[in-house]
Amino acid sequence: MCIGIPMQVIESAAIQARCRAADGREVDIDMLLVGEQPAGTWLMTFLDTAREVISDQRALEIQQALDGLQAALRGESFDHLFADLVDREPQLPEFLRDPAPATDTPS
């Protein structure tokens, strides 16, 4: 399974940026796919390459999901990290839902 890591740009240049992960680790990230980004920008990264520019909120949601995965692996509680999913029924994406039933209308 591939897991992307949200990272925040600290310093940026045309093809590479110094970024920081939630755990404080700093990494040089390849920026060729997303272009130069200003300091403070959040990126979804994989294998030291920026794949997508993401919002602060999306970075937080992804980091909470990763923290939840780590908590589950340690046998700890993780419900608080998935507050948006607790106490609600899962929803299928629109394209997987049944189409509206066709109605027979006389010609």
PDB file of N, CA and C in Angstrom:
ATOM      1  N   MET A   1       0.842  -1.167   0.000  1.00  0.00           N
ATOM      2  CA  MET A   1       0.000   0.000   0.000  1.00  0.00           C
ATOM      3  C   MET A   1       0.892   1.236   0.000  1.00  0.00           C
ATOM      4  N   CYS A   2       0.502   2.230  -0.749  1.00  0.00           N
ATOM      5  CA  CYS A   2       1.235   3.495  -0.815  1.00  0.00           C
ATOM      6  C   CYS A   2       0.571   4.491   0.125  1.00  0.00           C
ATOM      7  N   ILE A   3       1.364   5.165   0.924  1.00  0.00           N
ATOM      8  CA  ILE A   3       0.828   6.152   1.853  1.00  0.00           C
ATOM      9  C   ILE A   3       1.546   7.470   1.638  1.00  0.00           C
ATOM     10  N   GLY A   4       0.783   8.494   1.309  1.00  0.00           N
ATOM     11  CA  GLY A   4       1.332   9.833   1.159  1.00  0.00           C
ATOM     12  C   GLY A   4       1.434  10.509   2.516  1.00  0.00           C
ATOM     13  N   ILE A   5       2.371  11.426   2.631  1.00  0.00           N
ATOM     14  CA  ILE A   5       2.611  12.144   3.873  1.00  0.00           C
ATOM     15  C   ILE A   5       2.425  13.639   3.622  1.00  0.00           C
ATOM     16  N   PRO A   6       1.580  14.310   4.423  1.00  0.00           N
ATOM     17  CA  PRO A   6       1.476  15.759   4.275  1.00  0.00           C
ATOM     18  C   PRO A   6       2.721  16.430   4.853  1.00  0.00           C
ATOM     19  N   MET A   7       3.269  17.372   4.111  1.00  0.00           N
ATOM     20  CA  MET A   7       4.449  18.108   4.563  1.00  0.00           C
ATOM     21  C   MET A   7       4.268  19.577   4.216  1.00  0.00           C
ATOM     22  N   GLN A   8       4.853  20.441   5.061  1.00  0.00           N
ATOM     23  CA  GLN A   8       4.733  21.881   4.859  1.00  0.00           C
ATOM     24  C   GLN A   8       6.058  22.456   4.367  1.00  0.00           C
ATOM     25  N   VAL A   9       5.950  23.302   3.345  1.00  0.00           N
ATOM     26  CA  VAL A   9       7.134  23.931   2.764  1.00  0.00           C
ATOM     27  C   VAL A   9       7.748  24.901   3.775  1.00  0.00           C
ATOM     28  N   ILE A  10       9.068  24.778   3.970  1.00  0.00           N
ATOM     29  CA  ILE A  10       9.825  25.705   4.814  1.00  0.00           C
ATOM     30  C   ILE A  10      10.569  26.701   3.930  1.00  0.00           C
ATOM     31  N   GLU A  11      11.298  26.187   2.959  1.00  0.00           N
ATOM     32  CA  GLU A  11      12.030  26.994   1.972  1.00  0.00           C
ATOM     33  C   GLU A  11      11.795  26.369   0.608  1.00  0.00           C
ATOM     34  N   SER A  12      11.649  27.228  -0.404  1.00  0.00           N
ATOM     35  CA  SER A  12      11.334  26.692  -1.725  1.00  0.00           C
ATOM     36  C   SER A  12      12.264  27.237  -2.796  1.00  0.00           C
ATOM     37  N   ALA A  13      12.543  26.406  -3.758  1.00  0.00           N
ATOM     38  CA  ALA A  13      13.267  26.788  -4.969  1.00  0.00           C
ATOM     39  C   ALA A  13      12.492  26.190  -6.143  1.00  0.00           C
ATOM     40  N   ALA A  14      12.970  26.400  -7.342  1.00  0.00           N
ATOM     41  CA  ALA A  14      12.232  25.978  -8.533  1.00  0.00           C
ATOM     42  C   ALA A  14      11.940  24.485  -8.577  1.00  0.00           C
ATOM     43  N   ILE A  15      12.924  23.662  -8.271  1.00  0.00           N
ATOM     44  CA  ILE A  15      12.702  22.222  -8.423  1.00  0.00           C
ATOM     45  C   ILE A  15      12.771  21.438  -7.119  1.00  0.00           C
ATOM     46  N   GLN A  16      13.078  22.106  -6.012  1.00  0.00           N
ATOM     47  CA  GLN A  16      13.188  21.400  -4.743  1.00  0.00           C
ATOM     48  C   GLN A  16      12.785  22.333  -3.609  1.00  0.00           C
ATOM     49  N   ALA A  17      12.193  21.759  -2.563  1.00  0.00           N
ATOM     50  CA  ALA A  17      11.818  22.546  -1.391  1.00  0.00           C
ATOM     51  C   ALA A  17      12.187  21.778  -0.131  1.00  0.00           C
ATOM     52  N   ARG A  18      12.563  22.518   0.880  1.00  0.00           N
ATOM     53  CA  ARG A  18      12.797  21.925   2.200  1.00  0.00           C
ATOM     54  C   ARG A  18      11.441  21.930   2.885  1.00  0.00           C
ATOM     55  N   CYS A  19      11.002  20.744   3.331  1.00  0.00           N
ATOM     56  CA  CYS A  19       9.677  20.604   3.926  1.00  0.00           C
ATOM     57  C   CYS A  19       9.776  19.934   5.288  1.00  0.00           C
ATOM     58  N   ARG A  20       8.740  20.181   6.118  1.00  0.00           N
ATOM     59  CA  ARG A  20       8.694  19.600   7.451  1.00  0.00           C
ATOM     60  C   ARG A  20       7.424  18.757   7.597  1.00  0.00           C
ATOM     61  N   ALA A  21       7.610  17.555   8.135  1.00  0.00           N
ATOM     62  CA  ALA A  21       6.487  16.664   8.437  1.00  0.00           C
ATOM     63  C   ALA A  21       5.963  16.979   9.840  1.00  0.00           C
ATOM     64  N   ALA A  22       4.822  16.414  10.196  1.00  0.00           N
ATOM     65  CA  ALA A  22       4.213  16.646  11.503  1.00  0.00           C
ATOM     66  C   ALA A  22       5.115  16.209  12.650  1.00  0.00           C
ATOM     67  N   ASP A  23       5.958  15.215  12.416  1.00  0.00           N
ATOM     68  CA  ASP A  23       6.854  14.732  13.475  1.00  0.00           C
ATOM     69  C   ASP A  23       8.123  15.575  13.602  1.00  0.00           C
ATOM     70  N   GLY A  24       8.224  16.662  12.823  1.00  0.00           N
ATOM     71  CA  GLY A  24       9.370  17.554  12.894  1.00  0.00           C
ATOM     72  C   GLY A  24      10.499  17.220  11.933  1.00  0.00           C
ATOM     73  N   ARG A  25      10.400  16.073  11.306  1.00  0.00           N
ATOM     74  CA  ARG A  25      11.424  15.639  10.352  1.00  0.00           C
ATOM     75  C   ARG A  25      11.430  16.571   9.142  1.00  0.00           C
ATOM     76  N   GLU A  26      12.628  16.981   8.697  1.00  0.00           N
ATOM     77  CA  GLU A  26      12.766  17.832   7.518  1.00  0.00           C
ATOM     78  C   GLU A  26      13.347  17.027   6.361  1.00  0.00           C
ATOM     79  N   VAL A  27      12.770  17.243   5.181  1.00  0.00           N
ATOM     80  CA  VAL A  27      13.144  16.473   3.993  1.00  0.00           C
ATOM     81  C   VAL A  27      13.199  17.413   2.791  1.00  0.00           C
ATOM     82  N   ASP A  28      14.135  17.169   1.884  1.00  0.00           N
ATOM     83  CA  ASP A  28      14.154  17.880   0.607  1.00  0.00           C
ATOM     84  C   ASP A  28      13.192  17.166  -0.337  1.00  0.00           C
ATOM     85  N   ILE A  29      12.214  17.910  -0.848  1.00  0.00           N
ATOM     86  CA  ILE A  29      11.136  17.352  -1.671  1.00  0.00           C
ATOM     87  C   ILE A  29      11.259  17.856  -3.110  1.00  0.00           C
ATOM     88  N   ASP A  30      11.141  16.945  -4.059  1.00  0.00           N
ATOM     89  CA  ASP A  30      11.132  17.263  -5.487  1.00  0.00           C
ATOM     90  C   ASP A  30       9.818  17.981  -5.809  1.00  0.00           C
ATOM     91  N   MET A  31       9.900  19.152  -6.443  1.00  0.00           N
ATOM     92  CA  MET A  31       8.723  19.984  -6.715  1.00  0.00           C
ATOM     93  C   MET A  31       8.327  20.014  -8.191  1.00  0.00           C
ATOM     94  N   LEU A  32       8.914  19.160  -9.010  1.00  0.00           N
ATOM     95  CA  LEU A  32       8.660  19.221 -10.452  1.00  0.00           C
ATOM     96  C   LEU A  32       7.186  19.043 -10.822  1.00  0.00           C
ATOM     97  N   LEU A  33       6.434  18.251 -10.078  1.00  0.00           N
ATOM     98  CA  LEU A  33       5.026  18.014 -10.432  1.00  0.00           C
ATOM     99  C   LEU A  33       4.097  19.159 -10.034  1.00  0.00           C
ATOM    100  N   VAL A  34       4.471  19.939  -9.009  1.00  0.00           N
ATOM    101  CA  VAL A  34       3.577  20.996  -8.523  1.00  0.00           C
ATOM    102  C   VAL A  34       4.135  22.400  -8.713  1.00  0.00           C
ATOM    103  N   GLY A  35       5.391  22.508  -9.105  1.00  0.00           N
ATOM    104  CA  GLY A  35       6.000  23.822  -9.281  1.00  0.00           C
ATOM    105  C   GLY A  35       6.422  24.431  -7.957  1.00  0.00           C
ATOM    106  N   GLU A  36       7.127  25.529  -8.043  1.00  0.00           N
ATOM    107  CA  GLU A  36       7.603  26.218  -6.843  1.00  0.00           C
ATOM    108  C   GLU A  36       6.414  26.715  -6.023  1.00  0.00           C
ATOM    109  N   GLN A  37       6.474  26.522  -4.713  1.00  0.00           N
ATOM    110  CA  GLN A  37       5.394  26.917  -3.811  1.00  0.00           C
ATOM    111  C   GLN A  37       5.972  27.779  -2.686  1.00  0.00           C
ATOM    112  N   PRO A  38       5.197  28.735  -2.189  1.00  0.00           N
ATOM    113  CA  PRO A  38       5.701  29.585  -1.111  1.00  0.00           C
ATOM    114  C   PRO A  38       5.784  28.836   0.219  1.00  0.00           C
ATOM    115  N   ALA A  39       6.633  29.345   1.112  1.00  0.00           N
ATOM    116  CA  ALA A  39       6.740  28.777   2.456  1.00  0.00           C
ATOM    117  C   ALA A  39       5.358  28.785   3.106  1.00  0.00           C
ATOM    118  N   GLY A  40       5.073  27.724   3.847  1.00  0.00           N
ATOM    119  CA  GLY A  40       3.775  27.595   4.509  1.00  0.00           C
ATOM    120  C   GLY A  40       2.787  26.730   3.751  1.00  0.00           C
ATOM    121  N   THR A  41       3.039  26.486   2.479  1.00  0.00           N
ATOM    122  CA  THR A  41       2.149  25.664   1.654  1.00  0.00           C
ATOM    123  C   THR A  41       2.239  24.207   2.097  1.00  0.00           C
ATOM    124  N   TRP A  42       1.083  23.538   2.120  1.00  0.00           N
ATOM    125  CA  TRP A  42       1.040  22.105   2.437  1.00  0.00           C
ATOM    126  C   TRP A  42       1.043  21.297   1.154  1.00  0.00           C
ATOM    127  N   LEU A  43       1.782  20.199   1.192  1.00  0.00           N
ATOM    128  CA  LEU A  43       1.908  19.301   0.047  1.00  0.00           C
ATOM    129  C   LEU A  43       1.593  17.872   0.459  1.00  0.00           C
ATOM    130  N   MET A  44       1.006  17.114  -0.455  1.00  0.00           N
ATOM    131  CA  MET A  44       0.912  15.668  -0.276  1.00  0.00           C
ATOM    132  C   MET A  44       2.149  15.106  -0.951  1.00  0.00           C
ATOM    133  N   THR A  45       2.959  14.381  -0.181  1.00  0.00           N
ATOM    134  CA  THR A  45       4.217  13.862  -0.716  1.00  0.00           C
ATOM    135  C   THR A  45       4.237  12.339  -0.678  1.00  0.00           C
ATOM    136  N   PHE A  46       5.010  11.787  -1.583  1.00  0.00           N
ATOM    137  CA  PHE A  46       5.230  10.344  -1.638  1.00  0.00           C
ATOM    138  C   PHE A  46       6.603  10.123  -2.246  1.00  0.00           C
ATOM    139  N   LEU A  47       7.420   9.330  -1.572  1.00  0.00           N
ATOM    140  CA  LEU A  47       8.784   9.046  -2.028  1.00  0.00           C
ATOM    141  C   LEU A  47       9.566  10.335  -2.316  1.00  0.00           C
ATOM    142  N   ASP A  48       9.481  11.280  -1.386  1.00  0.00           N
ATOM    143  CA  ASP A  48      10.215  12.552  -1.458  1.00  0.00           C
ATOM    144  C   ASP A  48       9.871  13.388  -2.682  1.00  0.00           C
ATOM    145  N   THR A  49       8.643  13.227  -3.179  1.00  0.00           N
ATOM    146  CA  THR A  49       8.158  14.016  -4.309  1.00  0.00           C
ATOM    147  C   THR A  49       6.798  14.604  -3.966  1.00  0.00           C
ATOM    148  N   ALA A  50       6.623  15.901  -4.218  1.00  0.00           N
ATOM    149  CA  ALA A  50       5.323  16.538  -4.020  1.00  0.00           C
ATOM    150  C   ALA A  50       4.384  16.054  -5.118  1.00  0.00           C
ATOM    151  N   ARG A  51       3.243  15.528  -4.723  1.00  0.00           N
ATOM    152  CA  ARG A  51       2.262  15.022  -5.694  1.00  0.00           C
ATOM    153  C   ARG A  51       1.103  15.982  -5.899  1.00  0.00           C
ATOM    154  N   GLU A  52       0.811  16.796  -4.850  1.00  0.00           N
ATOM    155  CA  GLU A  52      -0.365  17.661  -4.902  1.00  0.00           C
ATOM    156  C   GLU A  52      -0.213  18.765  -3.864  1.00  0.00           C
ATOM    157  N   VAL A  53      -0.713  19.954  -4.180  1.00  0.00           N
ATOM    158  CA  VAL A  53      -0.827  21.033  -3.200  1.00  0.00           C
ATOM    159  C   VAL A  53      -2.160  20.818  -2.493  1.00  0.00           C
ATOM    160  N   ILE A  54      -2.145  20.831  -1.150  1.00  0.00           N
ATOM    161  CA  ILE A  54      -3.368  20.583  -0.381  1.00  0.00           C
ATOM    162  C   ILE A  54      -3.603  21.726   0.609  1.00  0.00           C
ATOM    163  N   SER A  55      -4.835  21.832   1.078  1.00  0.00           N
ATOM    164  CA  SER A  55      -5.189  22.879   2.041  1.00  0.00           C
ATOM    165  C   SER A  55      -4.704  22.502   3.440  1.00  0.00           C
ATOM    166  N   ASP A  56      -4.674  23.494   4.328  1.00  0.00           N
ATOM    167  CA  ASP A  56      -4.318  23.239   5.725  1.00  0.00           C
ATOM    168  C   ASP A  56      -5.263  22.195   6.323  1.00  0.00           C
ATOM    169  N   GLN A  57      -6.564  22.334   6.021  1.00  0.00           N
ATOM    170  CA  GLN A  57      -7.566  21.416   6.567  1.00  0.00           C
ATOM    171  C   GLN A  57      -7.339  19.994   6.071  1.00  0.00           C
ATOM    172  N   ARG A  58      -7.073  19.854   4.805  1.00  0.00           N
ATOM    173  CA  ARG A  58      -6.831  18.512   4.238  1.00  0.00           C
ATOM    174  C   ARG A  58      -5.570  17.895   4.836  1.00  0.00           C
ATOM    175  N   ALA A  59      -4.524  18.696   5.032  1.00  0.00           N
ATOM    176  CA  ALA A  59      -3.294  18.198   5.654  1.00  0.00           C
ATOM    177  C   ALA A  59      -3.587  17.685   7.061  1.00  0.00           C
ATOM    178  N   LEU A  60      -4.407  18.422   7.817  1.00  0.00           N
ATOM    179  CA  LEU A  60      -4.773  18.001   9.171  1.00  0.00           C
ATOM    180  C   LEU A  60      -5.553  16.692   9.140  1.00  0.00           C
ATOM    181  N   GLU A  61      -6.530  16.581   8.245  1.00  0.00           N
ATOM    182  CA  GLU A  61      -7.330  15.354   8.143  1.00  0.00           C
ATOM    183  C   GLU A  61      -6.455  14.148   7.807  1.00  0.00           C
ATOM    184  N   ILE A  62      -5.540  14.322   6.875  1.00  0.00           N
ATOM    185  CA  ILE A  62      -4.657  13.216   6.481  1.00  0.00           C
ATOM    186  C   ILE A  62      -3.738  12.836   7.628  1.00  0.00           C
ATOM    187  N   GLN A  63      -3.180  13.843   8.317  1.00  0.00           N
ATOM    188  CA  GLN A  63      -2.287  13.545   9.434  1.00  0.00           C
ATOM    189  C   GLN A  63      -3.036  12.840  10.555  1.00  0.00           C
ATOM    190  N   GLN A  64      -4.280  13.239  10.814  1.00  0.00           N
ATOM    191  CA  GLN A  64      -5.072  12.559  11.840  1.00  0.00           C
ATOM    192  C   GLN A  64      -5.336  11.109  11.445  1.00  0.00           C
ATOM    193  N   ALA A  65      -5.588  10.861  10.169  1.00  0.00           N
ATOM    194  CA  ALA A  65      -5.790   9.485   9.705  1.00  0.00           C
ATOM    195  C   ALA A  65      -4.519   8.664   9.905  1.00  0.00           C
ATOM    196  N   LEU A  66      -3.368   9.247   9.596  1.00  0.00           N
ATOM    197  CA  LEU A  66      -2.096   8.539   9.799  1.00  0.00           C
ATOM    198  C   LEU A  66      -1.838   8.296  11.284  1.00  0.00           C
ATOM    199  N   ASP A  67      -2.155   9.295  12.122  1.00  0.00           N
ATOM    200  CA  ASP A  67      -2.013   9.122  13.573  1.00  0.00           C
ATOM    201  C   ASP A  67      -2.961   8.037  14.076  1.00  0.00           C
ATOM    202  N   GLY A  68      -4.175   7.988  13.508  1.00  0.00           N
ATOM    203  CA  GLY A  68      -5.141   6.952  13.882  1.00  0.00           C
ATOM    204  C   GLY A  68      -4.650   5.565  13.526  1.00  0.00           C
ATOM    205  N   LEU A  69      -4.031   5.433  12.381  1.00  0.00           N
ATOM    206  CA  LEU A  69      -3.459   4.157  11.963  1.00  0.00           C
ATOM    207  C   LEU A  69      -2.378   3.715  12.940  1.00  0.00           C
ATOM    208  N   GLN A  70      -1.506   4.635  13.318  1.00  0.00           N
ATOM    209  CA  GLN A  70      -0.448   4.309  14.284  1.00  0.00           C
ATOM    210  C   GLN A  70      -1.041   3.918  15.639  1.00  0.00           C
ATOM    211  N   ALA A  71      -2.071   4.642  16.088  1.00  0.00           N
ATOM    212  CA  ALA A  71      -2.720   4.318  17.362  1.00  0.00           C
ATOM    213  C   ALA A  71      -3.344   2.927  17.306  1.00  0.00           C
ATOM    214  N   ALA A  72      -4.002   2.603  16.198  1.00  0.00           N
ATOM    215  CA  ALA A  72      -4.613   1.275  16.050  1.00  0.00           C
ATOM    216  C   ALA A  72      -3.549   0.186  16.097  1.00  0.00           C
ATOM    217  N   LEU A  73      -2.423   0.418  15.456  1.00  0.00           N
ATOM    218  CA  LEU A  73      -1.339  -0.571  15.465  1.00  0.00           C
ATOM    219  C   LEU A  73      -0.770  -0.776  16.866  1.00  0.00           C
ATOM    220  N   ARG A  74      -0.849   0.273  17.705  1.00  0.00           N
ATOM    221  CA  ARG A  74      -0.373   0.166  19.089  1.00  0.00           C
ATOM    222  C   ARG A  74      -1.459  -0.339  20.028  1.00  0.00           C
ATOM    223  N   GLY A  75      -2.682  -0.551  19.512  1.00  0.00           N
ATOM    224  CA  GLY A  75      -3.786  -1.017  20.338  1.00  0.00           C
ATOM    225  C   GLY A  75      -4.416   0.085  21.173  1.00  0.00           C
ATOM    226  N   GLU A  76      -4.230   1.333  20.775  1.00  0.00           N
ATOM    227  CA  GLU A  76      -4.765   2.481  21.503  1.00  0.00           C
ATOM    228  C   GLU A  76      -6.056   2.971  20.860  1.00  0.00           C
ATOM    229  N   SER A  77      -6.793   3.801  21.592  1.00  0.00           N
ATOM    230  CA  SER A  77      -8.022   4.399  21.084  1.00  0.00           C
ATOM    231  C   SER A  77      -7.692   5.370  19.946  1.00  0.00           C
ATOM    232  N   PHE A  78      -8.542   5.395  18.939  1.00  0.00           N
ATOM    233  CA  PHE A  78      -8.298   6.292  17.803  1.00  0.00           C
ATOM    234  C   PHE A  78      -9.559   6.985  17.309  1.00  0.00           C
ATOM    235  N   ASP A  79     -10.711   6.752  17.951  1.00  0.00           N
ATOM    236  CA  ASP A  79     -11.965   7.365  17.504  1.00  0.00           C
ATOM    237  C   ASP A  79     -11.876   8.888  17.419  1.00  0.00           C
ATOM    238  N   HIS A  80     -11.181   9.512  18.370  1.00  0.00           N
ATOM    239  CA  HIS A  80     -11.088  10.977  18.385  1.00  0.00           C
ATOM    240  C   HIS A  80     -10.375  11.528  17.144  1.00  0.00           C
ATOM    241  N   LEU A  81      -9.619  10.695  16.471  1.00  0.00           N
ATOM    242  CA  LEU A  81      -8.904  11.132  15.271  1.00  0.00           C
ATOM    243  C   LEU A  81      -9.757  11.031  14.009  1.00  0.00           C
ATOM    244  N   PHE A  82     -10.917  10.404  14.136  1.00  0.00           N
ATOM    245  CA  PHE A  82     -11.838  10.246  13.009  1.00  0.00           C
ATOM    246  C   PHE A  82     -13.204  10.820  13.367  1.00  0.00           C
ATOM    247  N   ALA A  83     -13.205  11.997  13.997  1.00  0.00           N
ATOM    248  CA  ALA A  83     -14.448  12.610  14.467  1.00  0.00           C
ATOM    249  C   ALA A  83     -15.458  12.800  13.340  1.00  0.00           C
ATOM    250  N   ASP A  84     -14.981  13.014  12.125  1.00  0.00           N
ATOM    251  CA  ASP A  84     -15.891  13.214  10.994  1.00  0.00           C
ATOM    252  C   ASP A  84     -16.558  11.916  10.545  1.00  0.00           C
ATOM    253  N   LEU A  85     -16.089  10.775  11.020  1.00  0.00           N
ATOM    254  CA  LEU A  85     -16.651   9.486  10.610  1.00  0.00           C
ATOM    255  C   LEU A  85     -17.443   8.786  11.712  1.00  0.00           C
ATOM    256  N   VAL A  86     -17.193   9.165  12.964  1.00  0.00           N
ATOM    257  CA  VAL A  86     -17.855   8.514  14.091  1.00  0.00           C
ATOM    258  C   VAL A  86     -19.336   8.895  14.092  1.00  0.00           C
ATOM    259  N   ASP A  87     -20.184   7.933  14.400  1.00  0.00           N
ATOM    260  CA  ASP A  87     -21.635   8.138  14.513  1.00  0.00           C
ATOM    261  C   ASP A  87     -22.305   8.561  13.211  1.00  0.00           C
ATOM    262  N   ARG A  88     -21.795   8.096  12.092  1.00  0.00           N
ATOM    263  CA  ARG A  88     -22.505   8.334  10.834  1.00  0.00           C
ATOM    264  C   ARG A  88     -22.357   7.112   9.950  1.00  0.00           C
ATOM    265  N   GLU A  89     -23.336   6.921   9.117  1.00  0.00           N
ATOM    266  CA  GLU A  89     -23.323   5.805   8.186  1.00  0.00           C
ATOM    267  C   GLU A  89     -22.398   6.126   7.016  1.00  0.00           C
ATOM    268  N   PRO A  90     -21.641   5.157   6.553  1.00  0.00           N
ATOM    269  CA  PRO A  90     -20.805   5.399   5.368  1.00  0.00           C
ATOM    270  C   PRO A  90     -21.680   5.730   4.156  1.00  0.00           C
ATOM    271  N   GLN A  91     -21.190   6.589   3.293  1.00  0.00           N
ATOM    272  CA  GLN A  91     -21.903   6.997   2.087  1.00  0.00           C
ATOM    273  C   GLN A  91     -21.122   6.532   0.864  1.00  0.00           C
ATOM    274  N   LEU A  92     -21.828   5.954  -0.081  1.00  0.00           N
ATOM    275  CA  LEU A  92     -21.183   5.604  -1.347  1.00  0.00           C
ATOM    276  C   LEU A  92     -20.940   6.872  -2.154  1.00  0.00           C
ATOM    277  N   PRO A  93     -19.870   6.919  -2.912  1.00  0.00           N
ATOM    278  CA  PRO A  93     -19.691   8.057  -3.823  1.00  0.00           C
ATOM    279  C   PRO A  93     -20.846   8.090  -4.822  1.00  0.00           C
ATOM    280  N   GLU A  94     -21.161   9.262  -5.307  1.00  0.00           N
ATOM    281  CA  GLU A  94     -22.293   9.454  -6.218  1.00  0.00           C
ATOM    282  C   GLU A  94     -22.273   8.471  -7.388  1.00  0.00           C
ATOM    283  N   PHE A  95     -21.111   8.238  -7.986  1.00  0.00           N
ATOM    284  CA  PHE A  95     -21.041   7.381  -9.171  1.00  0.00           C
ATOM    285  C   PHE A  95     -21.309   5.905  -8.862  1.00  0.00           C
ATOM    286  N   LEU A  96     -21.304   5.506  -7.592  1.00  0.00           N
ATOM    287  CA  LEU A  96     -21.594   4.118  -7.230  1.00  0.00           C
ATOM    288  C   LEU A  96     -23.029   3.914  -6.746  1.00  0.00           C
ATOM    289  N   ARG A  97     -23.751   4.988  -6.563  1.00  0.00           N
ATOM    290  CA  ARG A  97     -25.133   4.890  -6.089  1.00  0.00           C
ATOM    291  C   ARG A  97     -26.045   4.427  -7.213  1.00  0.00           C
ATOM    292  N   ASP A  98     -27.160   3.791  -6.826  1.00  0.00           N
ATOM    293  CA  ASP A  98     -28.147   3.363  -7.813  1.00  0.00           C
ATOM    294  C   ASP A  98     -28.708   4.585  -8.532  1.00  0.00           C
ATOM    295  N   PRO A  99     -28.860   4.469  -9.839  1.00  0.00           N
ATOM    296  CA  PRO A  99     -29.471   5.595 -10.554  1.00  0.00           C
ATOM    297  C   PRO A  99     -30.938   5.714 -10.150  1.00  0.00           C
ATOM    298  N   ALA A 100     -31.486   6.889 -10.337  1.00  0.00           N
ATOM    299  CA  ALA A 100     -32.897   7.105 -10.015  1.00  0.00           C
ATOM    300  C   ALA A 100     -33.737   6.149 -10.848  1.00  0.00           C
ATOM    301  N   PRO A 101     -34.752   5.551 -10.224  1.00  0.00           N
ATOM    302  CA  PRO A 101     -35.583   4.606 -10.982  1.00  0.00           C
ATOM    303  C   PRO A 101     -36.296   5.309 -12.138  1.00  0.00           C
ATOM    304  N   ALA A 102     -36.336   4.633 -13.256  1.00  0.00           N
ATOM    305  CA  ALA A 102     -37.028   5.177 -14.431  1.00  0.00           C
ATOM    306  C   ALA A 102     -38.527   5.083 -14.201  1.00  0.00           C
ATOM    307  N   THR A 103     -39.236   6.086 -14.620  1.00  0.00           N
ATOM    308  CA  THR A 103     -40.693   6.067 -14.489  1.00  0.00           C
ATOM    309  C   THR A 103     -41.303   5.807 -15.852  1.00  0.00           C
ATOM    310  N   ASP A 104     -42.310   4.958 -15.850  1.00  0.00           N
ATOM    311  CA  ASP A 104     -43.022   4.666 -17.096  1.00  0.00           C
ATOM    312  C   ASP A 104     -44.086   5.733 -17.303  1.00  0.00           C
ATOM    313  N   THR A 105     -43.980   6.439 -18.382  1.00  0.00           N
ATOM    314  CA  THR A 105     -44.995   7.433 -18.715  1.00  0.00           C
ATOM    315  C   THR A 105     -45.624   7.048 -20.037  1.00  0.00           C
ATOM    316  N   PRO A 106     -46.938   7.124 -20.096  1.00  0.00           N
ATOM    317  CA  PRO A 106     -47.600   6.774 -21.358  1.00  0.00           C
ATOM    318  C   PRO A 106     -47.228   7.760 -22.460  1.00  0.00           C
ATOM    319  N   SER A 107     -47.120   7.240 -23.673  1.00  0.00           N
ATOM    320  CA  SER A 107     -46.760   8.085 -24.821  1.00  0.00           C
ATOM    321  C   SER A 107     -47.942   8.838 -25.330  1.00  0.00           C
TER     322      SER A 107
END
